[in-house]
C-alpha atoms as a PDB file:
ATOM      1  CA  LEU A   1     -44.571  -1.107 -31.209  1.00  0.00           C
ATOM      2  CA  SER A   2     -41.855  -2.089 -28.776  1.00  0.00           C
ATOM      3  CA  ARG A   3     -39.136  -0.883 -31.162  1.00  0.00           C
ATOM      4  CA  ARG A   4     -40.503   2.680 -30.847  1.00  0.00           C
ATOM      5  CA  LYS A   5     -40.101   2.773 -27.074  1.00  0.00           C
ATOM      6  CA  GLY A   6     -37.581   5.376 -25.991  1.00  0.00           C
ATOM      7  CA  LYS A   7     -37.362   6.987 -29.427  1.00  0.00           C
ATOM      8  CA  ASN A   8     -36.643  10.712 -29.430  1.00  0.00           C
ATOM      9  CA  THR A   9     -39.613  12.492 -30.945  1.00  0.00           C
ATOM     10  CA  GLU A  10     -39.744  16.260 -31.512  1.00  0.00           C
ATOM     11  CA  LYS A  11     -42.116  16.583 -28.569  1.00  0.00           C
ATOM     12  CA  ASN A  12     -39.863  14.572 -26.240  1.00  0.00           C
ATOM     13  CA  VAL A  13     -36.771  16.543 -27.230  1.00  0.00           C
ATOM     14  CA  LEU A  14     -38.568  19.837 -26.572  1.00  0.00           C
ATOM     15  CA  ILE A  15     -39.882  18.655 -23.196  1.00  0.00           C
ATOM     16  CA  ARG A  16     -36.413  17.448 -22.124  1.00  0.00           C
ATOM     17  CA  GLU A  17     -34.881  20.779 -23.159  1.00  0.00           C
ATOM     18  CA  VAL A  18     -37.401  22.722 -21.059  1.00  0.00           C
ATOM     19  CA  ILE A  19     -36.873  20.446 -18.052  1.00  0.00           C
ATOM     20  CA  ARG A  20     -33.080  20.810 -18.374  1.00  0.00           C
ATOM     21  CA  GLU A  21     -33.445  24.612 -18.506  1.00  0.00           C
ATOM     22  CA  VAL A  22     -35.690  24.750 -15.442  1.00  0.00           C
ATOM     23  CA  ALA A  23     -34.085  22.077 -13.279  1.00  0.00           C
ATOM     24  CA  GLY A  24     -30.444  22.496 -14.327  1.00  0.00           C
ATOM     25  CA  PHE A  25     -27.901  19.749 -13.731  1.00  0.00           C
ATOM     26  CA  ALA A  26     -27.686  17.145 -10.998  1.00  0.00           C
ATOM     27  CA  PRO A  27     -24.614  17.410  -8.750  1.00  0.00           C
ATOM     28  CA  TYR A  28     -22.926  14.405 -10.380  1.00  0.00           C
ATOM     29  CA  GLU A  29     -23.547  15.975 -13.804  1.00  0.00           C
ATOM     30  CA  LYS A  30     -21.892  19.210 -12.688  1.00  0.00           C
ATOM     31  CA  ARG A  31     -18.896  17.189 -11.582  1.00  0.00           C
ATOM     32  CA  ILE A  32     -18.708  15.455 -14.974  1.00  0.00           C
ATOM     33  CA  LEU A  33     -18.876  18.863 -16.674  1.00  0.00           C
ATOM     34  CA  GLU A  34     -15.973  20.139 -14.569  1.00  0.00           C
ATOM     35  CA  MET A  35     -13.897  17.069 -15.434  1.00  0.00           C
ATOM     36  CA  LEU A  36     -14.562  17.558 -19.141  1.00  0.00           C
ATOM     37  CA  LYS A  37     -13.754  21.286 -18.957  1.00  0.00           C
ATOM     38  CA  ASN A  38     -10.360  20.322 -17.498  1.00  0.00           C
ATOM     39  CA  ASP A  39      -9.784  17.607 -20.155  1.00  0.00           C
ATOM     40  CA  PHE A  40     -10.204  14.576 -17.879  1.00  0.00           C
ATOM     41  CA  GLU A  41     -12.121  12.522 -20.458  1.00  0.00           C
ATOM     42  CA  LYS A  42     -11.289   9.094 -19.044  1.00  0.00           C
ATOM     43  CA  LYS A  43     -11.897  10.120 -15.450  1.00  0.00           C
ATOM     44  CA  ALA A  44     -15.274  11.588 -16.451  1.00  0.00           C
ATOM     45  CA  LEU A  45     -16.211   8.316 -18.171  1.00  0.00           C
ATOM     46  CA  LYS A  46     -15.218   6.228 -15.156  1.00  0.00           C
ATOM     47  CA  PHE A  47     -17.140   8.523 -12.803  1.00  0.00           C
ATOM     48  CA  ALA A  48     -20.231   8.448 -15.045  1.00  0.00           C
ATOM     49  CA  LYS A  49     -20.027   4.661 -15.282  1.00  0.00           C
ATOM     50  CA  LYS A  50     -19.950   4.374 -11.504  1.00  0.00           C
ATOM     51  CA  ARG A  51     -22.995   6.640 -11.148  1.00  0.00           C
ATOM     52  CA  LEU A  52     -25.049   5.368 -14.093  1.00  0.00           C
ATOM     53  CA  GLY A  53     -24.298   1.663 -13.904  1.00  0.00           C
ATOM     54  CA  THR A  54     -23.344   0.743 -17.463  1.00  0.00           C
ATOM     55  CA  HIS A  55     -20.523   1.625 -19.833  1.00  0.00           C
ATOM     56  CA  TYR A  56     -22.987   2.414 -22.638  1.00  0.00           C
ATOM     57  CA  ARG A  57     -24.973   4.911 -20.529  1.00  0.00           C
ATOM     58  CA  ALA A  58     -21.751   6.509 -19.331  1.00  0.00           C
ATOM     59  CA  LYS A  59     -20.469   6.954 -22.899  1.00  0.00           C
ATOM     60  CA  LYS A  60     -23.767   8.511 -23.925  1.00  0.00           C
ATOM     61  CA  LYS A  61     -23.726  10.920 -20.968  1.00  0.00           C
ATOM     62  CA  ARG A  62     -20.093  11.882 -21.618  1.00  0.00           C
ATOM     63  CA  GLU A  63     -20.866  12.610 -25.276  1.00  0.00           C
ATOM     64  CA  GLU A  64     -23.872  14.716 -24.274  1.00  0.00           C
ATOM     65  CA  PHE A  65     -21.735  16.799 -21.935  1.00  0.00           C
ATOM     66  CA  SER A  66     -18.821  16.991 -24.370  1.00  0.00           C
ATOM     67  CA  GLU A  67     -21.193  18.754 -26.771  1.00  0.00           C
ATOM     68  CA  ILE A  68     -22.163  21.211 -24.021  1.00  0.00           C
ATOM     69  CA  VAL A  69     -18.493  21.929 -23.209  1.00  0.00           C
ATOM     70  CA  ARG A  70     -17.744  22.361 -26.927  1.00  0.00           C
ATOM     71  CA  SER A  71     -20.561  24.885 -27.309  1.00  0.00           C
ATOM     72  CA  LEU A  72     -19.375  26.771 -24.198  1.00  0.00           C
ATOM     73  CA  ARG A  73     -15.859  27.005 -25.638  1.00  0.00           C
ATOM     74  CA  ALA A  74     -17.211  28.115 -29.018  1.00  0.00           C
ATOM     75  CA  ARG A  75     -19.141  30.962 -27.344  1.00  0.00           C
ATOM     76  CA  LYS A  76     -15.998  32.453 -25.838  1.00  0.00           C
END
């Protein structure tokens, strides 16, 4: 049904992981990562909002990349 649209299934998550591994990050995503590595949370959100169009999408993207930065810091 329409409520299912966009739901993350196991298959979708796996496919997105593989695509991310192969393709890497877009230039604007790399810039967001750099901002988050240097603790510019608000600036990263504002930049993401400008690129993605909505506050909600920007928050989601920032959270996604915050997790990546956290895992990078944990590795060291």
